[in-house]
Structure formats: structure tokens, C-alpha cells
Protein backbone atom coordinates (compact mmCIF):
# COMPACT_ATOMS: atom_id res chain seq x y z
CA UNK A 1 136.37 93.92 1.44
CA UNK A 2 133.72 94.27 3.73
CA UNK A 3 131.06 97.09 2.50
CA UNK A 4 128.52 99.50 4.13
CA UNK A 5 126.67 101.61 2.19
CA UNK A 6 124.13 103.69 3.79
CA UNK A 7 120.63 104.81 3.15
CA UNK A 8 121.72 107.85 0.83
CA UNK A 9 123.81 105.69 -1.22
CA UNK A 10 121.49 102.65 -1.51
CA UNK A 11 118.76 105.52 -1.98
CA UNK A 12 120.79 106.90 -5.04
CA UNK A 13 120.05 104.82 -8.15
CA UNK A 14 116.50 106.11 -7.53
CA UNK A 15 117.18 109.54 -7.55
CA UNK A 16 116.02 112.07 -10.81
CA UNK A 17 119.08 111.95 -12.67
CA UNK A 18 118.57 115.89 -13.42
CA UNK A 19 122.62 116.49 -11.98
CA UNK A 20 125.60 114.60 -13.58
CA UNK A 21 126.90 114.05 -10.26
CA UNK A 22 123.38 112.44 -8.81
CA UNK A 23 123.75 109.83 -12.66
CA UNK A 24 127.76 109.44 -11.36
CA UNK A 25 127.15 108.43 -7.87
CA UNK A 26 123.68 105.93 -9.00
CA UNK A 27 126.01 104.33 -11.59
CA UNK A 28 129.26 104.07 -9.17
CA UNK A 29 126.15 102.65 -6.80
CA UNK A 30 125.13 100.29 -9.51
CA UNK A 31 128.68 99.19 -9.59
CA UNK A 32 129.34 98.57 -6.55
CA UNK A 33 126.14 96.36 -5.66
CA UNK A 34 127.35 94.29 -8.76
CA UNK A 35 131.04 93.58 -7.57
CA UNK A 36 129.06 92.71 -4.28
CA UNK A 37 126.37 90.28 -6.31
CA UNK A 38 129.44 89.22 -8.13
CA UNK A 39 131.51 88.22 -5.21
CA UNK A 40 133.82 90.62 -4.96
CA UNK A 41 133.01 92.55 -2.48
CA UNK A 42 130.39 91.89 0.50
CA UNK A 43 127.60 93.98 1.97
CA UNK A 44 126.90 94.32 5.23
CA UNK A 45 124.27 96.50 6.51
CA UNK A 46 122.87 96.86 10.39
CA UNK A 47 118.99 96.42 11.69
CA UNK A 48 119.28 100.20 11.93
CA UNK A 49 119.37 100.56 8.58
CA UNK A 50 116.45 98.39 7.84
CA UNK A 51 114.38 100.21 9.66
CA UNK A 52 115.64 103.52 7.91
CA UNK A 53 115.15 101.96 4.64
CA UNK A 54 111.44 101.21 5.71
CA UNK A 55 110.23 104.55 6.77
CA UNK A 56 110.65 105.33 3.15
CA UNK A 57 107.27 106.47 1.90
CA UNK A 58 107.96 105.41 -1.54
CA UNK A 59 107.13 101.72 -1.78
CA UNK A 60 109.03 101.14 -4.63
CA UNK A 61 112.03 102.27 -3.43
CA UNK A 62 111.82 100.30 -0.31
CA UNK A 63 110.75 96.50 -1.70
CA UNK A 64 113.82 96.95 -4.19
CA UNK A 65 116.46 98.60 -1.19
CA UNK A 66 115.36 95.25 1.00
CA UNK A 67 115.06 93.24 -1.25
CA UNK A 68 119.00 94.19 -2.07
CA UNK A 69 119.94 94.03 1.60
CA UNK A 70 118.02 90.33 2.06
CA UNK A 71 119.33 89.06 -0.96
CA UNK A 72 123.40 90.42 -0.46
CA UNK A 73 123.77 91.83 3.11
CA UNK A 74 124.88 90.08 6.68
CA UNK A 75 122.84 92.29 8.98
CA UNK A 76 124.28 93.47 12.24
CA UNK A 77 122.24 93.15 15.20
CA UNK A 78 122.34 96.54 17.12
CA UNK A 79 124.27 95.93 20.88
CA UNK A 80 124.17 97.87 23.99
CA UNK A 81 128.00 98.79 22.23
CA UNK A 82 126.67 100.10 19.29
CA UNK A 83 123.97 101.86 21.40
CA UNK A 84 126.49 103.68 23.85
CA UNK A 85 129.02 104.15 20.85
CA UNK A 86 125.62 106.25 18.73
CA UNK A 87 125.78 108.66 21.84
CA UNK A 88 128.83 109.46 21.98
CA UNK A 89 128.57 110.35 18.04
CA UNK A 90 125.28 112.57 18.64
CA UNK A 91 126.74 113.99 21.59
CA UNK A 92 129.04 115.07 18.59
CA UNK A 93 126.96 116.60 16.11
CA UNK A 94 125.99 113.46 14.16
CA UNK A 95 122.12 113.10 13.40
CA UNK A 96 120.56 109.79 15.15
CA UNK A 97 121.05 107.67 12.49
CA UNK A 98 124.48 108.39 10.94
CA UNK A 99 125.16 107.45 14.41
CA UNK A 100 124.10 104.03 14.25
CA UNK A 101 125.32 103.39 10.95
CA UNK A 102 129.00 104.90 12.18
CA UNK A 103 128.56 102.73 15.50
CA UNK A 104 127.34 99.65 14.04
CA UNK A 105 130.00 99.83 10.75
CA UNK A 106 132.63 100.17 13.98
CA UNK A 107 131.53 97.67 15.41
CA UNK A 108 131.15 95.29 12.66
CA UNK A 109 134.58 95.68 11.61
CA UNK A 110 133.84 96.73 8.11
CA UNK A 111 135.93 98.50 5.71
CA UNK A 112 134.27 101.30 4.43
CA UNK A 113 131.36 102.77 4.95
CA UNK A 114 130.12 104.18 1.98
CA UNK A 115 127.83 107.40 1.41
CA UNK A 116 126.20 110.15 -0.69
CA UNK A 117 126.07 112.08 2.67
CA UNK A 118 127.80 115.24 1.67
CA UNK A 119 127.14 116.37 5.83
CA UNK A 120 128.63 113.35 7.01
CA UNK A 121 131.37 112.87 4.78
CA UNK A 122 132.71 116.52 5.84
CA UNK A 123 131.93 115.48 9.18
CA UNK A 124 134.15 112.56 9.14
CA UNK A 125 136.89 114.28 7.02
CA UNK A 126 136.98 117.31 10.20
CA UNK A 127 136.44 114.47 12.83
CA UNK A 128 139.10 111.73 11.63
CA UNK A 129 140.50 111.18 15.01
CA UNK A 130 136.86 110.41 16.97
CA UNK A 131 136.16 108.34 14.21
CA UNK A 132 136.88 104.55 13.55
CA UNK A 133 135.63 104.55 10.38
CA UNK A 134 136.42 105.16 6.46
CA UNK A 135 133.79 106.80 5.03
CA UNK A 136 133.71 107.38 1.68
CA UNK A 137 131.61 108.58 -1.82
CA UNK A 138 130.54 105.97 -3.53
CA UNK A 139 132.34 107.58 -6.92
CA UNK A 140 135.75 108.22 -4.89
CA UNK A 141 135.73 104.90 -3.17
CA UNK A 142 135.10 103.23 -7.00
CA UNK A 143 138.27 105.05 -8.20
CA UNK A 144 139.82 104.05 -6.33
CA UNK A 145 139.16 100.46 -5.66
CA UNK A 146 138.16 98.72 -9.01
CA UNK A 147 139.12 95.44 -9.45
């Protein structure tokens, strides 16, 4: 199965584990990354995701996430089709990077985009016919897809 983890998802293991939800999601993301490292699933990323990760001012997070992506992911290059679709998605209400992630996801044939971004998940649930994507929280996805 091909998976795309957005920046929120990739950063979750580094977040302060003060809330049970953050702890559970961090553990789920690490488990998903372990499944990818073991070859059970494949990770797909995009050039916009790499740009977004590089904008993180926390150099430790940035370095660790970039290392993970370079080691595990196939990188989708931005295309005119992705840019045009991202403009459509922005017009529908998505933020720029979210639109680029979704457009990259749609163009790549990935099975799931995993995110901890509640706003993005709500948008996908409210607009199921506008998006050609399966978005899911990693905790929910993992509970439904354990090998």
C-alpha cells in the first residue's frame, strides 16, 4: 500500500506528549514508519512536502524528517497538472500547502494521505465528491490496517 504522510503527521512524534491524543498519534506515526521501513507499505512524498519540512525552524526535527523521507520515500515531482489542481483546491478553501499535498496525492496513485490536521480531515469529510483522495488520521488508519 502506498502512503503519503503530510508535514503535520511527520512532526507528530516530536510534539510535546502532554495530551493522550498526541501520545497516541505519535505512537501511530512511528508504527506506520516502522511498517514502511519493514517493506509492508511504501512511503510517497512530494517536492512541496520537502519544501515545507525545510521551512521548519527546529533543525533537529527538520534533519530527522528529511532523513526519513530521503531513506524511505519515493518523491513526486511537481507538475503543471499538480499546480493547476492545487489552485482549484485553494479556491475550494484549502491552504496552499494542503492543496499541494492533496494534488500531489491525487496525481501519484497513493492509497492514503495520513494527517493529524483536523481542519484538513474535516474538509475532506465535508467534500467527499470534490476530492479524489482517502485522507485519514494515522491512529484511525492504523487501527483499520494492522497487518
